[in-house]
N, C-alpha and C. Protein backbone atom coordinates (compact mmCIF):
# COMPACT_ATOMS: atom_id res chain seq x y z
N MET A 1 -101.52 -28.17 15.92
CA MET A 1 -102.17 -29.18 15.14
C MET A 1 -102.01 -30.53 15.84
N LYS A 2 -102.88 -31.44 15.46
CA LYS A 2 -102.85 -32.78 16.01
C LYS A 2 -102.66 -33.77 14.87
N ARG A 3 -101.83 -34.78 15.10
CA ARG A 3 -101.59 -35.81 14.10
C ARG A 3 -102.23 -37.10 14.59
N PHE A 4 -103.07 -37.69 13.74
CA PHE A 4 -103.74 -38.96 14.04
C PHE A 4 -103.12 -40.05 13.17
N TYR A 5 -102.81 -41.19 13.79
CA TYR A 5 -102.21 -42.32 13.08
C TYR A 5 -103.21 -43.48 13.01
N TYR A 6 -103.25 -44.13 11.84
CA TYR A 6 -104.08 -45.31 11.63
C TYR A 6 -103.26 -46.34 10.88
N MET A 7 -103.48 -47.64 11.19
CA MET A 7 -102.74 -48.71 10.52
C MET A 7 -103.68 -49.68 9.84
N SER A 8 -103.18 -50.25 8.75
CA SER A 8 -103.91 -51.27 8.03
C SER A 8 -102.94 -52.00 7.12
N SER A 9 -103.28 -53.22 6.75
CA SER A 9 -102.47 -53.94 5.77
C SER A 9 -103.12 -53.89 4.39
N ASP A 10 -104.27 -53.21 4.28
CA ASP A 10 -105.02 -53.12 3.03
C ASP A 10 -104.79 -51.76 2.37
N LEU A 11 -103.92 -51.72 1.37
CA LEU A 11 -103.61 -50.45 0.69
C LEU A 11 -104.80 -49.89 -0.07
N ASP A 12 -105.63 -50.76 -0.61
CA ASP A 12 -106.81 -50.28 -1.34
C ASP A 12 -107.74 -49.51 -0.41
N ASN A 13 -107.93 -50.05 0.79
CA ASN A 13 -108.77 -49.37 1.77
C ASN A 13 -108.16 -48.03 2.18
N LEU A 14 -106.85 -48.00 2.38
CA LEU A 14 -106.18 -46.76 2.77
C LEU A 14 -106.28 -45.71 1.65
N GLU A 15 -106.20 -46.15 0.41
CA GLU A 15 -106.37 -45.23 -0.71
C GLU A 15 -107.78 -44.64 -0.69
N GLN A 16 -108.78 -45.49 -0.42
CA GLN A 16 -110.16 -45.00 -0.36
C GLN A 16 -110.35 -44.03 0.81
N VAL A 17 -109.72 -44.32 1.94
CA VAL A 17 -109.80 -43.42 3.10
C VAL A 17 -109.22 -42.05 2.73
N GLU A 18 -108.08 -42.06 2.06
CA GLU A 18 -107.47 -40.78 1.67
C GLU A 18 -108.40 -40.00 0.74
N HIS A 19 -109.01 -40.66 -0.20
CA HIS A 19 -109.95 -39.98 -1.11
C HIS A 19 -111.16 -39.45 -0.35
N ASP A 20 -111.66 -40.22 0.61
CA ASP A 20 -112.80 -39.77 1.43
C ASP A 20 -112.42 -38.56 2.27
N LEU A 21 -111.21 -38.57 2.82
CA LEU A 21 -110.75 -37.43 3.61
C LEU A 21 -110.64 -36.17 2.75
N GLU A 22 -110.10 -36.32 1.54
CA GLU A 22 -109.99 -35.18 0.64
C GLU A 22 -111.37 -34.66 0.25
N ALA A 23 -112.31 -35.57 0.00
CA ALA A 23 -113.67 -35.17 -0.37
C ALA A 23 -114.38 -34.46 0.78
N SER A 24 -113.98 -34.77 2.02
CA SER A 24 -114.61 -34.13 3.17
C SER A 24 -114.00 -32.77 3.50
N GLY A 25 -112.93 -32.39 2.79
CA GLY A 25 -112.36 -31.06 2.99
C GLY A 25 -110.96 -31.02 3.59
N ILE A 26 -110.41 -32.17 3.92
CA ILE A 26 -109.04 -32.19 4.44
C ILE A 26 -108.10 -32.21 3.23
N ALA A 27 -107.18 -31.27 3.19
CA ALA A 27 -106.30 -31.11 2.03
C ALA A 27 -105.30 -32.26 1.94
N ARG A 28 -104.93 -32.61 0.73
CA ARG A 28 -103.99 -33.71 0.48
C ARG A 28 -102.66 -33.54 1.20
N PRO A 29 -102.09 -32.33 1.30
CA PRO A 29 -100.81 -32.21 2.02
C PRO A 29 -100.91 -32.52 3.52
N GLN A 30 -102.11 -32.70 4.03
CA GLN A 30 -102.28 -33.04 5.44
C GLN A 30 -102.38 -34.54 5.65
N ILE A 31 -102.39 -35.32 4.58
CA ILE A 31 -102.60 -36.76 4.64
C ILE A 31 -101.37 -37.46 4.05
N TYR A 32 -100.80 -38.38 4.80
CA TYR A 32 -99.60 -39.10 4.33
C TYR A 32 -99.76 -40.59 4.59
N LEU A 33 -99.11 -41.36 3.73
CA LEU A 33 -99.10 -42.80 3.89
C LEU A 33 -97.66 -43.26 4.04
N LEU A 34 -97.37 -43.91 5.14
CA LEU A 34 -96.03 -44.43 5.45
C LEU A 34 -96.04 -45.93 5.24
N SER A 35 -95.09 -46.41 4.46
CA SER A 35 -95.04 -47.84 4.16
C SER A 35 -93.61 -48.23 3.79
N ASN A 36 -93.31 -49.49 3.99
CA ASN A 36 -92.03 -50.02 3.52
C ASN A 36 -92.13 -50.50 2.08
N ASP A 37 -93.36 -50.65 1.57
CA ASP A 37 -93.59 -51.11 0.21
C ASP A 37 -93.79 -49.91 -0.72
N ASP A 38 -92.68 -49.25 -1.06
CA ASP A 38 -92.75 -48.05 -1.87
C ASP A 38 -93.33 -48.30 -3.26
N VAL A 39 -93.08 -49.46 -3.83
CA VAL A 39 -93.56 -49.77 -5.18
C VAL A 39 -95.09 -49.82 -5.19
N ALA A 40 -95.67 -50.52 -4.22
CA ALA A 40 -97.13 -50.62 -4.17
C ALA A 40 -97.78 -49.27 -3.85
N VAL A 41 -97.15 -48.49 -2.99
CA VAL A 41 -97.69 -47.17 -2.64
C VAL A 41 -97.63 -46.23 -3.84
N ASN A 42 -96.53 -46.25 -4.57
CA ASN A 42 -96.39 -45.37 -5.73
C ASN A 42 -97.33 -45.75 -6.88
N ALA A 43 -97.84 -46.97 -6.87
CA ALA A 43 -98.78 -47.41 -7.90
C ALA A 43 -100.20 -46.93 -7.61
N ARG A 44 -100.40 -46.31 -6.47
CA ARG A 44 -101.73 -45.84 -6.08
C ARG A 44 -101.77 -44.32 -6.01
N ASP A 45 -102.98 -43.80 -5.98
CA ASP A 45 -103.18 -42.35 -5.90
C ASP A 45 -103.25 -41.93 -4.43
N VAL A 46 -102.09 -41.94 -3.78
CA VAL A 46 -101.99 -41.55 -2.37
C VAL A 46 -100.81 -40.59 -2.22
N ASN A 47 -100.72 -39.96 -1.08
CA ASN A 47 -99.64 -39.03 -0.79
C ASN A 47 -98.62 -39.76 0.11
N PRO A 48 -97.56 -40.33 -0.48
CA PRO A 48 -96.60 -41.09 0.33
C PRO A 48 -95.67 -40.18 1.11
N VAL A 49 -95.14 -40.70 2.20
CA VAL A 49 -94.11 -40.00 2.95
C VAL A 49 -92.83 -40.10 2.13
N GLY A 50 -92.21 -38.98 1.85
CA GLY A 50 -90.98 -38.98 1.07
C GLY A 50 -89.84 -39.63 1.83
N SER A 51 -88.88 -40.15 1.09
CA SER A 51 -87.76 -40.85 1.72
C SER A 51 -86.98 -39.93 2.65
N PHE A 52 -86.90 -38.64 2.31
CA PHE A 52 -86.21 -37.67 3.17
C PHE A 52 -86.89 -37.57 4.53
N LEU A 53 -88.22 -37.59 4.55
CA LEU A 53 -88.95 -37.46 5.81
C LEU A 53 -88.99 -38.77 6.61
N LYS A 54 -88.59 -39.87 6.00
CA LYS A 54 -88.51 -41.12 6.74
C LYS A 54 -87.29 -41.15 7.65
N THR A 55 -86.36 -40.24 7.42
CA THR A 55 -85.16 -40.16 8.25
C THR A 55 -85.36 -39.11 9.34
N ASP A 56 -84.44 -39.07 10.26
CA ASP A 56 -84.53 -38.14 11.38
C ASP A 56 -83.65 -36.91 11.17
N VAL A 57 -83.42 -36.53 9.91
CA VAL A 57 -82.50 -35.45 9.59
C VAL A 57 -82.95 -34.11 10.18
N ILE A 58 -84.22 -33.82 10.16
CA ILE A 58 -84.69 -32.53 10.67
C ILE A 58 -84.55 -32.46 12.19
N HIS A 59 -85.00 -33.51 12.88
CA HIS A 59 -84.90 -33.54 14.34
C HIS A 59 -83.44 -33.48 14.79
N ALA A 60 -82.59 -34.27 14.14
CA ALA A 60 -81.17 -34.28 14.49
C ALA A 60 -80.53 -32.93 14.17
N GLY A 61 -80.93 -32.31 13.06
CA GLY A 61 -80.41 -30.99 12.71
C GLY A 61 -80.78 -29.94 13.74
N GLU A 62 -81.99 -30.04 14.28
CA GLU A 62 -82.40 -29.11 15.34
C GLU A 62 -81.53 -29.29 16.58
N ILE A 63 -81.28 -30.53 16.94
CA ILE A 63 -80.41 -30.80 18.10
C ILE A 63 -79.00 -30.28 17.81
N GLY A 64 -78.51 -30.50 16.60
CA GLY A 64 -77.19 -29.99 16.21
C GLY A 64 -77.13 -28.48 16.27
N ALA A 65 -78.22 -27.81 15.89
CA ALA A 65 -78.24 -26.34 15.93
C ALA A 65 -78.15 -25.84 17.38
N VAL A 66 -78.83 -26.53 18.28
CA VAL A 66 -78.74 -26.14 19.70
C VAL A 66 -77.32 -26.36 20.21
N LEU A 67 -76.74 -27.52 19.89
CA LEU A 67 -75.36 -27.78 20.32
C LEU A 67 -74.39 -26.79 19.67
N GLY A 68 -74.65 -26.44 18.41
CA GLY A 68 -73.82 -25.47 17.72
C GLY A 68 -73.91 -24.09 18.34
N ALA A 69 -75.10 -23.70 18.78
CA ALA A 69 -75.26 -22.41 19.45
C ALA A 69 -74.48 -22.40 20.77
N ILE A 70 -74.51 -23.54 21.46
CA ILE A 70 -73.74 -23.64 22.72
C ILE A 70 -72.24 -23.56 22.42
N ALA A 71 -71.78 -24.27 21.39
CA ALA A 71 -70.36 -24.23 21.02
C ALA A 71 -69.95 -22.81 20.62
N ALA A 72 -70.79 -22.13 19.86
CA ALA A 72 -70.49 -20.75 19.45
C ALA A 72 -70.42 -19.83 20.66
N ALA A 73 -71.34 -20.02 21.60
CA ALA A 73 -71.33 -19.19 22.81
C ALA A 73 -70.07 -19.45 23.63
N ILE A 74 -69.63 -20.70 23.69
CA ILE A 74 -68.40 -21.03 24.43
C ILE A 74 -67.20 -20.36 23.77
N VAL A 75 -67.12 -20.42 22.43
CA VAL A 75 -66.01 -19.79 21.71
C VAL A 75 -65.97 -18.30 22.01
N LEU A 76 -67.11 -17.65 21.92
CA LEU A 76 -67.16 -16.20 22.14
C LEU A 76 -66.88 -15.84 23.60
N THR A 77 -67.40 -16.64 24.51
CA THR A 77 -67.18 -16.38 25.94
C THR A 77 -65.71 -16.56 26.32
N VAL A 78 -65.11 -17.65 25.87
CA VAL A 78 -63.70 -17.90 26.20
C VAL A 78 -62.81 -16.83 25.59
N SER A 79 -63.10 -16.43 24.35
CA SER A 79 -62.26 -15.39 23.72
C SER A 79 -62.41 -14.05 24.44
N HIS A 80 -63.59 -13.79 24.96
CA HIS A 80 -63.80 -12.54 25.71
C HIS A 80 -63.13 -12.59 27.08
N LEU A 81 -63.36 -13.68 27.82
CA LEU A 81 -62.81 -13.79 29.17
C LEU A 81 -61.29 -13.91 29.19
N SER A 82 -60.72 -14.50 28.15
CA SER A 82 -59.27 -14.63 28.12
C SER A 82 -58.58 -13.32 27.72
N GLY A 83 -59.34 -12.41 27.13
CA GLY A 83 -58.80 -11.13 26.71
C GLY A 83 -58.13 -11.16 25.36
N ILE A 84 -58.09 -12.31 24.73
CA ILE A 84 -57.42 -12.41 23.43
C ILE A 84 -58.20 -11.67 22.34
N ALA A 85 -59.53 -11.61 22.48
CA ALA A 85 -60.33 -10.90 21.47
C ALA A 85 -60.01 -9.41 21.47
N ALA A 86 -59.68 -8.86 22.65
CA ALA A 86 -59.32 -7.44 22.72
C ALA A 86 -57.98 -7.18 22.04
N GLN A 87 -57.08 -8.16 22.09
CA GLN A 87 -55.77 -7.98 21.48
C GLN A 87 -55.79 -8.21 19.97
N VAL A 88 -56.48 -9.25 19.53
CA VAL A 88 -56.47 -9.65 18.12
C VAL A 88 -57.63 -9.04 17.33
N GLY A 89 -58.74 -8.84 18.00
CA GLY A 89 -59.96 -8.39 17.33
C GLY A 89 -60.99 -9.51 17.34
N TRP A 90 -62.24 -9.15 17.14
CA TRP A 90 -63.33 -10.11 17.24
C TRP A 90 -63.55 -10.93 15.98
N ALA A 91 -63.11 -10.47 14.84
CA ALA A 91 -63.44 -11.13 13.57
C ALA A 91 -63.09 -12.62 13.54
N PRO A 92 -61.88 -13.05 13.93
CA PRO A 92 -61.59 -14.49 13.85
C PRO A 92 -62.46 -15.33 14.78
N PHE A 93 -62.82 -14.76 15.91
CA PHE A 93 -63.61 -15.52 16.89
C PHE A 93 -65.08 -15.59 16.48
N ILE A 94 -65.57 -14.54 15.85
CA ILE A 94 -66.94 -14.59 15.31
C ILE A 94 -67.00 -15.61 14.18
N PHE A 95 -65.98 -15.60 13.32
CA PHE A 95 -65.91 -16.58 12.23
C PHE A 95 -65.85 -18.00 12.79
N LEU A 96 -65.01 -18.22 13.81
CA LEU A 96 -64.91 -19.54 14.43
C LEU A 96 -66.23 -19.96 15.05
N ALA A 97 -66.95 -19.03 15.67
CA ALA A 97 -68.26 -19.35 16.26
C ALA A 97 -69.25 -19.76 15.17
N ILE A 98 -69.23 -19.06 14.03
CA ILE A 98 -70.13 -19.40 12.92
C ILE A 98 -69.78 -20.78 12.37
N VAL A 99 -68.50 -21.06 12.23
CA VAL A 99 -68.06 -22.37 11.74
C VAL A 99 -68.47 -23.47 12.72
N ALA A 100 -68.31 -23.25 14.02
CA ALA A 100 -68.70 -24.24 15.03
C ALA A 100 -70.19 -24.52 14.96
N PHE A 101 -70.98 -23.46 14.84
CA PHE A 101 -72.43 -23.62 14.73
C PHE A 101 -72.80 -24.41 13.47
N GLY A 102 -72.25 -24.00 12.35
CA GLY A 102 -72.57 -24.66 11.08
C GLY A 102 -72.13 -26.11 11.03
N PHE A 103 -70.93 -26.38 11.53
CA PHE A 103 -70.42 -27.74 11.49
C PHE A 103 -71.25 -28.69 12.34
N THR A 104 -71.60 -28.28 13.56
CA THR A 104 -72.38 -29.19 14.42
C THR A 104 -73.77 -29.42 13.85
N THR A 105 -74.38 -28.40 13.27
CA THR A 105 -75.70 -28.57 12.65
C THR A 105 -75.59 -29.53 11.47
N TRP A 106 -74.60 -29.33 10.63
CA TRP A 106 -74.38 -30.15 9.45
C TRP A 106 -74.10 -31.61 9.83
N GLU A 107 -73.21 -31.80 10.79
CA GLU A 107 -72.84 -33.15 11.20
C GLU A 107 -74.02 -33.88 11.85
N ALA A 108 -74.77 -33.18 12.67
CA ALA A 108 -75.96 -33.80 13.28
C ALA A 108 -76.97 -34.19 12.21
N GLY A 109 -77.12 -33.37 11.19
CA GLY A 109 -78.00 -33.71 10.08
C GLY A 109 -77.58 -34.99 9.38
N PHE A 110 -76.26 -35.16 9.17
CA PHE A 110 -75.76 -36.39 8.57
C PHE A 110 -76.05 -37.60 9.46
N ILE A 111 -75.89 -37.43 10.74
CA ILE A 111 -76.21 -38.53 11.66
C ILE A 111 -77.70 -38.85 11.59
N GLY A 112 -78.53 -37.81 11.52
CA GLY A 112 -79.97 -38.00 11.44
C GLY A 112 -80.42 -38.70 10.17
N MET A 113 -79.66 -38.55 9.08
CA MET A 113 -80.01 -39.23 7.83
C MET A 113 -79.93 -40.75 7.97
N GLN A 114 -79.17 -41.21 8.92
CA GLN A 114 -78.97 -42.65 9.09
C GLN A 114 -79.94 -43.26 10.09
N ALA A 115 -80.77 -42.44 10.71
CA ALA A 115 -81.70 -42.93 11.71
C ALA A 115 -83.14 -42.75 11.22
N PRO A 116 -84.03 -43.65 11.62
CA PRO A 116 -85.43 -43.47 11.23
C PRO A 116 -86.04 -42.27 11.96
N ASN A 117 -87.03 -41.66 11.35
CA ASN A 117 -87.71 -40.51 11.93
C ASN A 117 -88.19 -40.85 13.34
N SER A 118 -87.90 -39.99 14.28
CA SER A 118 -88.25 -40.26 15.68
C SER A 118 -89.76 -40.40 15.89
N HIS A 119 -90.57 -39.78 15.03
CA HIS A 119 -92.03 -39.90 15.14
C HIS A 119 -92.53 -41.25 14.64
N PHE A 120 -91.73 -41.93 13.81
CA PHE A 120 -92.18 -43.17 13.19
C PHE A 120 -91.54 -44.42 13.78
N ARG A 121 -90.63 -44.27 14.73
CA ARG A 121 -89.93 -45.44 15.29
C ARG A 121 -90.88 -46.45 15.90
N ARG A 122 -91.95 -45.97 16.48
CA ARG A 122 -92.89 -46.88 17.15
C ARG A 122 -93.61 -47.80 16.16
N PHE A 123 -93.54 -47.49 14.86
CA PHE A 123 -94.23 -48.29 13.86
C PHE A 123 -93.30 -49.26 13.12
N GLU A 124 -92.03 -49.32 13.50
CA GLU A 124 -91.06 -50.14 12.78
C GLU A 124 -91.48 -51.61 12.70
N LYS A 125 -91.95 -52.18 13.79
CA LYS A 125 -92.34 -53.60 13.78
C LYS A 125 -93.56 -53.82 12.90
N ALA A 126 -94.54 -52.92 13.00
CA ALA A 126 -95.74 -53.06 12.18
C ALA A 126 -95.42 -52.90 10.70
N LEU A 127 -94.55 -51.96 10.36
CA LEU A 127 -94.15 -51.76 8.97
C LEU A 127 -93.39 -52.98 8.44
N ALA A 128 -92.53 -53.54 9.27
CA ALA A 128 -91.78 -54.73 8.88
C ALA A 128 -92.71 -55.93 8.68
N ALA A 129 -93.85 -55.93 9.38
CA ALA A 129 -94.82 -57.02 9.26
C ALA A 129 -95.77 -56.81 8.07
N GLY A 130 -95.56 -55.75 7.29
CA GLY A 130 -96.37 -55.54 6.10
C GLY A 130 -97.52 -54.56 6.26
N LYS A 131 -97.62 -53.92 7.40
CA LYS A 131 -98.69 -52.95 7.59
C LYS A 131 -98.26 -51.59 7.02
N HIS A 132 -99.24 -50.72 6.86
CA HIS A 132 -99.02 -49.37 6.36
C HIS A 132 -99.65 -48.41 7.36
N VAL A 133 -99.07 -47.24 7.48
CA VAL A 133 -99.54 -46.25 8.45
C VAL A 133 -100.03 -45.01 7.71
N LEU A 134 -101.28 -44.66 7.96
CA LEU A 134 -101.86 -43.44 7.42
C LEU A 134 -101.83 -42.42 8.54
N PHE A 135 -101.32 -41.23 8.28
CA PHE A 135 -101.42 -40.20 9.30
C PHE A 135 -101.96 -38.92 8.71
N VAL A 136 -102.73 -38.24 9.56
CA VAL A 136 -103.46 -37.05 9.13
C VAL A 136 -103.17 -35.92 10.10
N GLU A 137 -102.70 -34.79 9.55
CA GLU A 137 -102.46 -33.58 10.33
C GLU A 137 -103.78 -32.80 10.35
N THR A 138 -104.28 -32.49 11.53
CA THR A 138 -105.59 -31.85 11.61
C THR A 138 -105.57 -30.57 12.42
N THR A 139 -106.43 -29.65 12.01
CA THR A 139 -106.76 -28.49 12.82
C THR A 139 -107.98 -28.90 13.64
N PRO A 140 -108.37 -28.13 14.64
CA PRO A 140 -109.57 -28.50 15.41
C PRO A 140 -110.82 -28.63 14.51
N GLN A 141 -110.92 -27.83 13.45
CA GLN A 141 -112.06 -27.93 12.56
C GLN A 141 -112.02 -29.23 11.75
N ASP A 142 -110.82 -29.69 11.39
CA ASP A 142 -110.67 -30.91 10.59
C ASP A 142 -110.98 -32.17 11.38
N GLU A 143 -110.88 -32.11 12.70
CA GLU A 143 -111.08 -33.31 13.51
C GLU A 143 -112.48 -33.89 13.33
N LYS A 144 -113.49 -33.04 13.19
CA LYS A 144 -114.86 -33.53 12.98
C LYS A 144 -114.96 -34.30 11.67
N CYS A 145 -114.36 -33.75 10.61
CA CYS A 145 -114.36 -34.44 9.30
C CYS A 145 -113.63 -35.78 9.41
N LEU A 146 -112.51 -35.78 10.08
CA LEU A 146 -111.71 -36.99 10.23
C LEU A 146 -112.52 -38.07 10.95
N LYS A 147 -113.16 -37.70 12.05
CA LYS A 147 -113.92 -38.68 12.82
C LYS A 147 -115.09 -39.25 12.01
N SER A 148 -115.76 -38.40 11.25
CA SER A 148 -116.89 -38.91 10.46
C SER A 148 -116.42 -39.84 9.35
N VAL A 149 -115.28 -39.55 8.72
CA VAL A 149 -114.75 -40.44 7.69
C VAL A 149 -114.29 -41.75 8.30
N MET A 150 -113.64 -41.69 9.45
CA MET A 150 -113.11 -42.91 10.06
C MET A 150 -114.23 -43.84 10.55
N LYS A 151 -115.41 -43.29 10.83
CA LYS A 151 -116.55 -44.14 11.21
C LYS A 151 -116.96 -45.03 10.04
N LYS A 152 -116.71 -44.58 8.81
CA LYS A 152 -117.06 -45.36 7.62
C LYS A 152 -116.02 -46.45 7.33
N HIS A 153 -114.90 -46.41 8.03
CA HIS A 153 -113.82 -47.38 7.79
C HIS A 153 -113.39 -48.01 9.12
N PRO A 154 -114.26 -48.87 9.69
CA PRO A 154 -113.95 -49.44 11.01
C PRO A 154 -112.80 -50.45 10.99
N SER A 155 -112.38 -50.89 9.80
CA SER A 155 -111.29 -51.88 9.75
C SER A 155 -109.92 -51.27 10.06
N LEU A 156 -109.83 -49.95 10.03
CA LEU A 156 -108.55 -49.31 10.34
C LEU A 156 -108.26 -49.40 11.83
N GLU A 157 -107.02 -49.68 12.14
CA GLU A 157 -106.58 -49.77 13.53
C GLU A 157 -106.03 -48.42 13.96
N ARG A 158 -106.61 -47.85 14.99
CA ARG A 158 -106.12 -46.56 15.48
C ARG A 158 -104.76 -46.78 16.14
N ALA A 159 -103.77 -45.97 15.75
CA ALA A 159 -102.41 -46.19 16.21
C ALA A 159 -101.85 -45.04 17.03
N GLY A 160 -102.68 -44.09 17.42
CA GLY A 160 -102.24 -43.04 18.31
C GLY A 160 -102.40 -41.64 17.75
N THR A 161 -102.10 -40.68 18.61
CA THR A 161 -102.15 -39.26 18.23
C THR A 161 -100.95 -38.57 18.87
N GLU A 162 -100.63 -37.42 18.33
CA GLU A 162 -99.61 -36.58 18.94
C GLU A 162 -99.84 -35.14 18.51
N VAL A 163 -99.39 -34.22 19.33
CA VAL A 163 -99.48 -32.80 19.00
C VAL A 163 -98.24 -32.43 18.19
N THR A 164 -98.45 -31.71 17.10
CA THR A 164 -97.33 -31.29 16.26
C THR A 164 -97.34 -29.77 16.14
N HIS A 165 -96.26 -29.25 15.64
CA HIS A 165 -96.13 -27.80 15.43
C HIS A 165 -95.97 -27.52 13.94
N THR A 166 -96.80 -28.18 13.16
CA THR A 166 -96.69 -28.07 11.71
C THR A 166 -97.74 -27.15 11.10
N GLY A 167 -98.44 -26.40 11.92
CA GLY A 167 -99.50 -25.52 11.42
C GLY A 167 -99.07 -24.59 10.30
N PRO A 168 -98.01 -23.80 10.49
CA PRO A 168 -97.58 -22.91 9.41
C PRO A 168 -97.16 -23.66 8.14
N LEU A 169 -96.50 -24.80 8.31
CA LEU A 169 -96.10 -25.58 7.15
C LEU A 169 -97.32 -26.12 6.41
N MET A 170 -98.32 -26.62 7.15
CA MET A 170 -99.53 -27.15 6.51
C MET A 170 -100.27 -26.04 5.77
N MET A 171 -100.31 -24.84 6.35
CA MET A 171 -100.96 -23.72 5.68
C MET A 171 -100.22 -23.39 4.38
N LEU A 172 -98.91 -23.37 4.43
CA LEU A 172 -98.12 -23.10 3.23
C LEU A 172 -98.35 -24.17 2.17
N LEU A 173 -98.34 -25.45 2.55
CA LEU A 173 -98.56 -26.53 1.59
C LEU A 173 -99.96 -26.50 1.00
N ARG A 174 -100.96 -26.20 1.83
CA ARG A 174 -102.34 -26.12 1.35
C ARG A 174 -102.47 -25.00 0.32
N ASN A 175 -101.90 -23.85 0.62
CA ASN A 175 -101.97 -22.72 -0.31
C ASN A 175 -101.14 -22.98 -1.57
N TRP A 176 -100.02 -23.66 -1.44
CA TRP A 176 -99.21 -24.01 -2.60
C TRP A 176 -100.00 -24.95 -3.52
N ASP A 177 -100.70 -25.91 -2.91
CA ASP A 177 -101.50 -26.84 -3.68
C ASP A 177 -102.62 -26.10 -4.44
N LYS A 178 -103.26 -25.14 -3.78
CA LYS A 178 -104.29 -24.34 -4.44
C LYS A 178 -103.70 -23.53 -5.58
N PHE A 179 -102.52 -22.97 -5.37
CA PHE A 179 -101.85 -22.18 -6.40
C PHE A 179 -101.51 -23.05 -7.61
N ARG A 180 -101.00 -24.26 -7.36
CA ARG A 180 -100.64 -25.15 -8.46
C ARG A 180 -101.87 -25.52 -9.30
N LYS A 181 -103.00 -25.77 -8.62
CA LYS A 181 -104.22 -26.11 -9.36
C LYS A 181 -104.72 -24.90 -10.15
N TRP A 182 -104.56 -23.72 -9.58
CA TRP A 182 -104.99 -22.50 -10.27
C TRP A 182 -104.12 -22.22 -11.48
N ALA A 183 -102.80 -22.39 -11.31
CA ALA A 183 -101.86 -22.09 -12.39
C ALA A 183 -101.93 -23.18 -13.41
């Protein structure tokens, strides 16, 4: 999937853009509004970025999981090469490897909670200046709809694109939204 970013200081216009995108077939879970003015955003009918996603907890947790896997591999390798696992048994060393993996993932997540989301760092100055960032997760089919809607809103400032790996998550959220409306 591809993520498109747009900036504006006009929340009313961004709300209208979101409604136009939804009317053109792009699902609401694919459209987010990032802002430092949570009160004004919550007063509108838009899909705000949750406070949890404003932090870098997921990215940091992934890094912690990789470091934890390395730590677990070191524990298991050292216990095997030293021969102590053959004398004592593998159970304590497997437990220690699991604890090392879990602790580093957990600790990295805590560190990530204190940092802004790595995807949004480039917008910190614009957000501090009162601008808002609209971003849209698109499939190749959605890109045509997005471009046609954005032609109707030339006041939006294009703020970049990036490739994401959120396809399965977007499919799950889209289907969950359909299920909620059905139920």
